[in-house]
């Protein structure tokens, strides 16, 4: 897929299918190489590692995007939005 395609509403890369989005997420996670500092010592566990947790459907572009928000984060966000805060 052409990674230059971006959603106009969110600015995120558009993936045609959920499978394609999840495969990209796993490639980022498992293809990540540990970073070492100038002394050859490994940088701490999560620093610099991709944080994408899930893929979701976007009604604006009819595609899929990656996010670091878990389902509970999104539900809490929806509740706040529905209350009008």
PDB file of N, CA and C in Angstrom:
ATOM      1  N   UNK A   1       0.821  -1.185   0.000  1.00  0.00           N
ATOM      2  CA  UNK A   1       0.000   0.000   0.000  1.00  0.00           C
ATOM      3  C   UNK A   1       0.864   1.247   0.000  1.00  0.00           C
ATOM      4  N   UNK A   2       0.386   2.275  -0.646  1.00  0.00           N
ATOM      5  CA  UNK A   2       1.091   3.548  -0.695  1.00  0.00           C
ATOM      6  C   UNK A   2       0.925   4.265   0.639  1.00  0.00           C
ATOM      7  N   UNK A   3       2.006   4.391   1.398  1.00  0.00           N
ATOM      8  CA  UNK A   3       1.932   4.990   2.729  1.00  0.00           C
ATOM      9  C   UNK A   3       1.721   6.495   2.699  1.00  0.00           C
ATOM     10  N   UNK A   4       1.700   7.107   1.509  1.00  0.00           N
ATOM     11  CA  UNK A   4       1.487   8.545   1.445  1.00  0.00           C
ATOM     12  C   UNK A   4      -0.002   8.889   1.519  1.00  0.00           C
ATOM     13  N   UNK A   5      -0.886   7.894   1.454  1.00  0.00           N
ATOM     14  CA  UNK A   5      -2.323   8.163   1.573  1.00  0.00           C
ATOM     15  C   UNK A   5      -2.649   8.442   3.025  1.00  0.00           C
ATOM     16  N   UNK A   6      -3.183   9.631   3.273  1.00  0.00           N
ATOM     17  CA  UNK A   6      -3.524  10.029   4.637  1.00  0.00           C
ATOM     18  C   UNK A   6      -4.998  10.408   4.707  1.00  0.00           C
ATOM     19  N   UNK A   7      -5.594  10.167   5.858  1.00  0.00           N
ATOM     20  CA  UNK A   7      -6.981  10.530   6.126  1.00  0.00           C
ATOM     21  C   UNK A   7      -7.055  12.048   6.308  1.00  0.00           C
ATOM     22  N   UNK A   8      -7.978  12.689   5.636  1.00  0.00           N
ATOM     23  CA  UNK A   8      -8.104  14.151   5.771  1.00  0.00           C
ATOM     24  C   UNK A   8      -8.611  14.553   7.153  1.00  0.00           C
ATOM     25  N   UNK A   9      -9.421  13.714   7.771  1.00  0.00           N
ATOM     26  CA  UNK A   9      -9.996  14.045   9.082  1.00  0.00           C
ATOM     27  C   UNK A   9      -8.996  13.846  10.224  1.00  0.00           C
ATOM     28  N   UNK A  10      -8.191  12.778  10.163  1.00  0.00           N
ATOM     29  CA  UNK A  10      -7.294  12.453  11.278  1.00  0.00           C
ATOM     30  C   UNK A  10      -5.819  12.691  10.976  1.00  0.00           C
ATOM     31  N   UNK A  11      -5.451  12.701   9.708  1.00  0.00           N
ATOM     32  CA  UNK A  11      -4.050  12.859   9.333  1.00  0.00           C
ATOM     33  C   UNK A  11      -3.245  11.579   9.446  1.00  0.00           C
ATOM     34  N   UNK A  12      -3.921  10.458   9.722  1.00  0.00           N
ATOM     35  CA  UNK A  12      -3.238   9.171   9.886  1.00  0.00           C
ATOM     36  C   UNK A  12      -3.177   8.420   8.555  1.00  0.00           C
ATOM     37  N   UNK A  13      -2.248   7.480   8.461  1.00  0.00           N
ATOM     38  CA  UNK A  13      -2.111   6.638   7.274  1.00  0.00           C
ATOM     39  C   UNK A  13      -3.351   5.757   7.132  1.00  0.00           C
ATOM     40  N   UNK A  14      -3.845   5.628   5.902  1.00  0.00           N
ATOM     41  CA  UNK A  14      -5.026   4.805   5.631  1.00  0.00           C
ATOM     42  C   UNK A  14      -4.587   3.399   5.234  1.00  0.00           C
ATOM     43  N   UNK A  15      -5.139   2.397   5.897  1.00  0.00           N
ATOM     44  CA  UNK A  15      -4.943   1.004   5.521  1.00  0.00           C
ATOM     45  C   UNK A  15      -6.252   0.506   4.937  1.00  0.00           C
ATOM     46  N   UNK A  16      -6.176  -0.208   3.836  1.00  0.00           N
ATOM     47  CA  UNK A  16      -7.375  -0.673   3.128  1.00  0.00           C
ATOM     48  C   UNK A  16      -8.176  -1.689   3.944  1.00  0.00           C
ATOM     49  N   UNK A  17      -7.486  -2.590   4.638  1.00  0.00           N
ATOM     50  CA  UNK A  17      -8.168  -3.651   5.376  1.00  0.00           C
ATOM     51  C   UNK A  17      -7.657  -3.712   6.817  1.00  0.00           C
ATOM     52  N   UNK A  18      -8.448  -4.332   7.672  1.00  0.00           N
ATOM     53  CA  UNK A  18      -8.050  -4.516   9.067  1.00  0.00           C
ATOM     54  C   UNK A  18      -6.817  -5.407   9.158  1.00  0.00           C
ATOM     55  N   UNK A  19      -6.760  -6.425   8.306  1.00  0.00           N
ATOM     56  CA  UNK A  19      -5.605  -7.347   8.297  1.00  0.00           C
ATOM     57  C   UNK A  19      -4.317  -6.590   7.963  1.00  0.00           C
ATOM     58  N   UNK A  20      -4.384  -5.723   6.958  1.00  0.00           N
ATOM     59  CA  UNK A  20      -3.208  -4.945   6.569  1.00  0.00           C
ATOM     60  C   UNK A  20      -2.746  -4.044   7.713  1.00  0.00           C
ATOM     61  N   UNK A  21      -3.687  -3.413   8.409  1.00  0.00           N
ATOM     62  CA  UNK A  21      -3.349  -2.546   9.538  1.00  0.00           C
ATOM     63  C   UNK A  21      -2.709  -3.350  10.666  1.00  0.00           C
ATOM     64  N   UNK A  22      -3.287  -4.510  10.995  1.00  0.00           N
ATOM     65  CA  UNK A  22      -2.734  -5.333  12.074  1.00  0.00           C
ATOM     66  C   UNK A  22      -1.359  -5.886  11.713  1.00  0.00           C
ATOM     67  N   UNK A  23      -1.174  -6.293  10.463  1.00  0.00           N
ATOM     68  CA  UNK A  23       0.145  -6.788  10.046  1.00  0.00           C
ATOM     69  C   UNK A  23       1.197  -5.693  10.163  1.00  0.00           C
ATOM     70  N   UNK A  24       0.843  -4.478   9.784  1.00  0.00           N
ATOM     71  CA  UNK A  24       1.773  -3.363   9.908  1.00  0.00           C
ATOM     72  C   UNK A  24       2.102  -3.100  11.373  1.00  0.00           C
ATOM     73  N   UNK A  25       1.085  -3.166  12.231  1.00  0.00           N
ATOM     74  CA  UNK A  25       1.294  -2.963  13.658  1.00  0.00           C
ATOM     75  C   UNK A  25       2.262  -4.011  14.217  1.00  0.00           C
ATOM     76  N   UNK A  26       2.073  -5.269  13.853  1.00  0.00           N
ATOM     77  CA  UNK A  26       2.958  -6.333  14.340  1.00  0.00           C
ATOM     78  C   UNK A  26       4.359  -6.213  13.750  1.00  0.00           C
ATOM     79  N   UNK A  27       4.470  -5.786  12.474  1.00  0.00           N
ATOM     80  CA  UNK A  27       5.792  -5.573  11.873  1.00  0.00           C
ATOM     81  C   UNK A  27       6.547  -4.484  12.630  1.00  0.00           C
ATOM     82  N   UNK A  28       5.844  -3.414  12.983  1.00  0.00           N
ATOM     83  CA  UNK A  28       6.484  -2.344  13.749  1.00  0.00           C
ATOM     84  C   UNK A  28       6.941  -2.844  15.112  1.00  0.00           C
ATOM     85  N   UNK A  29       6.082  -3.627  15.761  1.00  0.00           N
ATOM     86  CA  UNK A  29       6.388  -4.109  17.110  1.00  0.00           C
ATOM     87  C   UNK A  29       7.544  -5.111  17.101  1.00  0.00           C
ATOM     88  N   UNK A  30       7.473  -6.102  16.239  1.00  0.00           N
ATOM     89  CA  UNK A  30       8.474  -7.172  16.262  1.00  0.00           C
ATOM     90  C   UNK A  30       9.705  -6.875  15.424  1.00  0.00           C
ATOM     91  N   UNK A  31       9.602  -5.919  14.505  1.00  0.00           N
ATOM     92  CA  UNK A  31      10.751  -5.560  13.685  1.00  0.00           C
ATOM     93  C   UNK A  31      11.622  -4.499  14.325  1.00  0.00           C
ATOM     94  N   UNK A  32      11.194  -4.007  15.476  1.00  0.00           N
ATOM     95  CA  UNK A  32      11.924  -2.960  16.176  1.00  0.00           C
ATOM     96  C   UNK A  32      13.233  -3.525  16.727  1.00  0.00           C
ATOM     97  N   UNK A  33      14.308  -2.816  16.461  1.00  0.00           N
ATOM     98  CA  UNK A  33      15.608  -3.246  16.991  1.00  0.00           C
ATOM     99  C   UNK A  33      15.918  -2.420  18.232  1.00  0.00           C
ATOM    100  N   UNK A  34      16.481  -3.063  19.214  1.00  0.00           N
ATOM    101  CA  UNK A  34      16.825  -2.362  20.446  1.00  0.00           C
ATOM    102  C   UNK A  34      17.881  -1.303  20.155  1.00  0.00           C
ATOM    103  N   UNK A  35      17.671  -0.150  20.720  1.00  0.00           N
ATOM    104  CA  UNK A  35      18.580   0.971  20.512  1.00  0.00           C
ATOM    105  C   UNK A  35      19.678   0.914  21.579  1.00  0.00           C
ATOM    106  N   UNK A  36      20.894   1.220  21.157  1.00  0.00           N
ATOM    107  CA  UNK A  36      22.007   1.254  22.098  1.00  0.00           C
ATOM    108  C   UNK A  36      22.563   2.672  22.142  1.00  0.00           C
ATOM    109  N   UNK A  37      23.048   3.059  23.311  1.00  0.00           N
ATOM    110  CA  UNK A  37      23.621   4.398  23.442  1.00  0.00           C
ATOM    111  C   UNK A  37      25.055   4.397  22.898  1.00  0.00           C
ATOM    112  N   UNK A  38      25.739   5.522  23.051  1.00  0.00           N
ATOM    113  CA  UNK A  38      27.081   5.645  22.463  1.00  0.00           C
ATOM    114  C   UNK A  38      28.101   4.711  23.099  1.00  0.00           C
ATOM    115  N   UNK A  39      27.777   4.163  24.274  1.00  0.00           N
ATOM    116  CA  UNK A  39      28.695   3.244  24.949  1.00  0.00           C
ATOM    117  C   UNK A  39      28.358   1.776  24.667  1.00  0.00           C
ATOM    118  N   UNK A  40      27.346   1.549  23.822  1.00  0.00           N
ATOM    119  CA  UNK A  40      26.956   0.184  23.497  1.00  0.00           C
ATOM    120  C   UNK A  40      25.976  -0.431  24.472  1.00  0.00           C
ATOM    121  N   UNK A  41      25.553   0.365  25.456  1.00  0.00           N
ATOM    122  CA  UNK A  41      24.611  -0.125  26.458  1.00  0.00           C
ATOM    123  C   UNK A  41      23.186   0.021  25.923  1.00  0.00           C
ATOM    124  N   UNK A  42      22.363  -0.998  26.149  1.00  0.00           N
ATOM    125  CA  UNK A  42      20.993  -0.997  25.663  1.00  0.00           C
ATOM    126  C   UNK A  42      20.168   0.085  26.371  1.00  0.00           C
ATOM    127  N   UNK A  43      19.375   0.828  25.585  1.00  0.00           N
ATOM    128  CA  UNK A  43      18.496   1.856  26.136  1.00  0.00           C
ATOM    129  C   UNK A  43      17.329   1.170  26.820  1.00  0.00           C
ATOM    130  N   UNK A  44      16.777   1.798  27.848  1.00  0.00           N
ATOM    131  CA  UNK A  44      15.722   1.206  28.665  1.00  0.00           C
ATOM    132  C   UNK A  44      14.575   0.631  27.847  1.00  0.00           C
ATOM    133  N   UNK A  45      13.853  -0.268  28.474  1.00  0.00           N
ATOM    134  CA  UNK A  45      12.838  -1.120  27.866  1.00  0.00           C
ATOM    135  C   UNK A  45      11.904  -0.449  26.860  1.00  0.00           C
ATOM    136  N   UNK A  46      11.119   0.547  27.241  1.00  0.00           N
ATOM    137  CA  UNK A  46      10.091   1.099  26.358  1.00  0.00           C
ATOM    138  C   UNK A  46      10.534   2.326  25.581  1.00  0.00           C
ATOM    139  N   UNK A  47      11.667   2.890  25.854  1.00  0.00           N
ATOM    140  CA  UNK A  47      12.076   4.126  25.205  1.00  0.00           C
ATOM    141  C   UNK A  47      12.317   3.911  23.721  1.00  0.00           C
ATOM    142  N   UNK A  48      11.590   4.655  22.908  1.00  0.00           N
ATOM    143  CA  UNK A  48      11.772   4.588  21.468  1.00  0.00           C
ATOM    144  C   UNK A  48      11.004   3.478  20.778  1.00  0.00           C
ATOM    145  N   UNK A  49      10.353   2.601  21.525  1.00  0.00           N
ATOM    146  CA  UNK A  49       9.618   1.488  20.928  1.00  0.00           C
ATOM    147  C   UNK A  49       8.244   1.966  20.452  1.00  0.00           C
ATOM    148  N   UNK A  50       7.776   1.464  19.277  1.00  0.00           N
ATOM    149  CA  UNK A  50       6.430   1.828  18.813  1.00  0.00           C
ATOM    150  C   UNK A  50       5.367   1.401  19.829  1.00  0.00           C
ATOM    151  N   UNK A  51       4.304   2.207  19.998  1.00  0.00           N
ATOM    152  CA  UNK A  51       3.309   1.942  21.031  1.00  0.00           C
ATOM    153  C   UNK A  51       1.924   1.602  20.476  1.00  0.00           C
ATOM    154  N   UNK A  52       1.797   1.338  19.188  1.00  0.00           N
ATOM    155  CA  UNK A  52       0.487   1.024  18.630  1.00  0.00           C
ATOM    156  C   UNK A  52      -0.102  -0.204  19.298  1.00  0.00           C
ATOM    157  N   UNK A  53      -1.344  -0.070  19.802  1.00  0.00           N
ATOM    158  CA  UNK A  53      -1.992  -1.165  20.520  1.00  0.00           C
ATOM    159  C   UNK A  53      -3.083  -1.839  19.714  1.00  0.00           C
ATOM    160  N   UNK A  54      -3.765  -1.073  18.839  1.00  0.00           N
ATOM    161  CA  UNK A  54      -4.864  -1.685  18.109  1.00  0.00           C
ATOM    162  C   UNK A  54      -5.139  -0.927  16.828  1.00  0.00           C
ATOM    163  N   UNK A  55      -5.878  -1.576  15.956  1.00  0.00           N
ATOM    164  CA  UNK A  55      -6.324  -0.979  14.698  1.00  0.00           C
ATOM    165  C   UNK A  55      -7.824  -0.732  14.809  1.00  0.00           C
ATOM    166  N   UNK A  56      -8.301   0.338  14.181  1.00  0.00           N
ATOM    167  CA  UNK A  56      -9.725   0.653  14.248  1.00  0.00           C
ATOM    168  C   UNK A  56     -10.224   1.179  12.909  1.00  0.00           C
ATOM    169  N   UNK A  57     -11.537   1.078  12.700  1.00  0.00           N
ATOM    170  CA  UNK A  57     -12.184   1.545  11.478  1.00  0.00           C
ATOM    171  C   UNK A  57     -12.435   3.045  11.569  1.00  0.00           C
ATOM    172  N   UNK A  58     -12.200   3.757  10.482  1.00  0.00           N
ATOM    173  CA  UNK A  58     -12.451   5.196  10.418  1.00  0.00           C
ATOM    174  C   UNK A  58     -13.593   5.465   9.436  1.00  0.00           C
ATOM    175  N   UNK A  59     -14.715   6.010   9.904  1.00  0.00           N
ATOM    176  CA  UNK A  59     -15.833   6.287   9.011  1.00  0.00           C
ATOM    177  C   UNK A  59     -15.566   7.462   8.063  1.00  0.00           C
ATOM    178  N   UNK A  60     -14.579   8.298   8.363  1.00  0.00           N
ATOM    179  CA  UNK A  60     -14.285   9.460   7.526  1.00  0.00           C
ATOM    180  C   UNK A  60     -13.654   9.062   6.190  1.00  0.00           C
ATOM    181  N   UNK A  61     -12.749   8.098   6.230  1.00  0.00           N
ATOM    182  CA  UNK A  61     -12.033   7.707   5.012  1.00  0.00           C
ATOM    183  C   UNK A  61     -12.370   6.291   4.552  1.00  0.00           C
ATOM    184  N   UNK A  62     -13.220   5.600   5.309  1.00  0.00           N
ATOM    185  CA  UNK A  62     -13.618   4.224   4.996  1.00  0.00           C
ATOM    186  C   UNK A  62     -12.404   3.292   4.987  1.00  0.00           C
ATOM    187  N   UNK A  63     -11.450   3.570   5.867  1.00  0.00           N
ATOM    188  CA  UNK A  63     -10.255   2.744   5.984  1.00  0.00           C
ATOM    189  C   UNK A  63      -9.983   2.426   7.446  1.00  0.00           C
ATOM    190  N   UNK A  64      -8.768   1.967   7.712  1.00  0.00           N
ATOM    191  CA  UNK A  64      -8.370   1.593   9.069  1.00  0.00           C
ATOM    192  C   UNK A  64      -7.118   2.366   9.464  1.00  0.00           C
ATOM    193  N   UNK A  65      -7.003   2.663  10.764  1.00  0.00           N
ATOM    194  CA  UNK A  65      -5.851   3.366  11.313  1.00  0.00           C
ATOM    195  C   UNK A  65      -5.307   2.608  12.520  1.00  0.00           C
ATOM    196  N   UNK A  66      -4.084   2.971  12.924  1.00  0.00           N
ATOM    197  CA  UNK A  66      -3.468   2.418  14.127  1.00  0.00           C
ATOM    198  C   UNK A  66      -3.534   3.458  15.241  1.00  0.00           C
ATOM    199  N   UNK A  67      -3.670   2.996  16.479  1.00  0.00           N
ATOM    200  CA  UNK A  67      -3.709   3.899  17.618  1.00  0.00           C
ATOM    201  C   UNK A  67      -3.029   3.281  18.822  1.00  0.00           C
ATOM    202  N   UNK A  68      -2.568   4.152  19.717  1.00  0.00           N
ATOM    203  CA  UNK A  68      -1.987   3.662  20.967  1.00  0.00           C
ATOM    204  C   UNK A  68      -3.040   3.559  22.055  1.00  0.00           C
ATOM    205  N   UNK A  69      -4.251   4.052  21.785  1.00  0.00           N
ATOM    206  CA  UNK A  69      -5.339   3.964  22.755  1.00  0.00           C
ATOM    207  C   UNK A  69      -5.869   2.545  22.836  1.00  0.00           C
ATOM    208  N   UNK A  70      -6.056   2.057  24.044  1.00  0.00           N
ATOM    209  CA  UNK A  70      -6.718   0.771  24.248  1.00  0.00           C
ATOM    210  C   UNK A  70      -8.229   0.974  24.173  1.00  0.00           C
ATOM    211  N   UNK A  71      -8.992  -0.101  24.226  1.00  0.00           N
ATOM    212  CA  UNK A  71     -10.448   0.008  24.165  1.00  0.00           C
ATOM    213  C   UNK A  71     -11.001   0.790  25.350  1.00  0.00           C
ATOM    214  N   UNK A  72     -10.430   0.601  26.531  1.00  0.00           N
ATOM    215  CA  UNK A  72     -10.917   1.313  27.719  1.00  0.00           C
ATOM    216  C   UNK A  72     -10.674   2.819  27.597  1.00  0.00           C
ATOM    217  N   UNK A  73      -9.535   3.212  27.003  1.00  0.00           N
ATOM    218  CA  UNK A  73      -9.260   4.639  26.782  1.00  0.00           C
ATOM    219  C   UNK A  73     -10.308   5.244  25.857  1.00  0.00           C
ATOM    220  N   UNK A  74     -10.644   4.516  24.790  1.00  0.00           N
ATOM    221  CA  UNK A  74     -11.610   5.011  23.810  1.00  0.00           C
ATOM    222  C   UNK A  74     -13.006   5.103  24.411  1.00  0.00           C
ATOM    223  N   UNK A  75     -13.386   4.103  25.227  1.00  0.00           N
ATOM    224  CA  UNK A  75     -14.710   4.139  25.871  1.00  0.00           C
ATOM    225  C   UNK A  75     -14.814   5.326  26.825  1.00  0.00           C
ATOM    226  N   UNK A  76     -13.760   5.588  27.580  1.00  0.00           N
ATOM    227  CA  UNK A  76     -13.752   6.733  28.498  1.00  0.00           C
ATOM    228  C   UNK A  76     -13.874   8.041  27.706  1.00  0.00           C
ATOM    229  N   UNK A  77     -13.181   8.121  26.587  1.00  0.00           N
ATOM    230  CA  UNK A  77     -13.255   9.302  25.720  1.00  0.00           C
ATOM    231  C   UNK A  77     -14.671   9.492  25.188  1.00  0.00           C
ATOM    232  N   UNK A  78     -15.328   8.403  24.755  1.00  0.00           N
ATOM    233  CA  UNK A  78     -16.694   8.485  24.250  1.00  0.00           C
ATOM    234  C   UNK A  78     -17.650   8.960  25.337  1.00  0.00           C
ATOM    235  N   UNK A  79     -17.467   8.487  26.563  1.00  0.00           N
ATOM    236  CA  UNK A  79     -18.331   8.905  27.666  1.00  0.00           C
ATOM    237  C   UNK A  79     -18.183  10.412  27.938  1.00  0.00           C
ATOM    238  N   UNK A  80     -16.970  10.899  27.907  1.00  0.00           N
ATOM    239  CA  UNK A  80     -16.740  12.321  28.119  1.00  0.00           C
ATOM    240  C   UNK A  80     -17.390  13.135  26.998  1.00  0.00           C
ATOM    241  N   UNK A  81     -17.240  12.658  25.750  1.00  0.00           N
ATOM    242  CA  UNK A  81     -17.826  13.361  24.612  1.00  0.00           C
ATOM    243  C   UNK A  81     -19.360  13.385  24.688  1.00  0.00           C
ATOM    244  N   UNK A  82     -19.950  12.269  25.121  1.00  0.00           N
ATOM    245  CA  UNK A  82     -21.422  12.186  25.191  1.00  0.00           C
ATOM    246  C   UNK A  82     -21.984  13.090  26.303  1.00  0.00           C
ATOM    247  N   UNK A  83     -21.179  13.345  27.354  1.00  0.00           N
ATOM    248  CA  UNK A  83     -21.615  14.223  28.435  1.00  0.00           C
ATOM    249  C   UNK A  83     -21.444  15.701  28.057  1.00  0.00           C
ATOM    250  N   UNK A  84     -20.691  15.944  26.987  1.00  0.00           N
ATOM    251  CA  UNK A  84     -20.501  17.319  26.534  1.00  0.00           C
ATOM    252  C   UNK A  84     -19.464  18.106  27.316  1.00  0.00           C
ATOM    253  N   UNK A  85     -18.518  17.409  27.931  1.00  0.00           N
ATOM    254  CA  UNK A  85     -17.467  18.094  28.698  1.00  0.00           C
ATOM    255  C   UNK A  85     -16.347  18.558  27.830  1.00  0.00           C
TER     256      UNK A  85
END
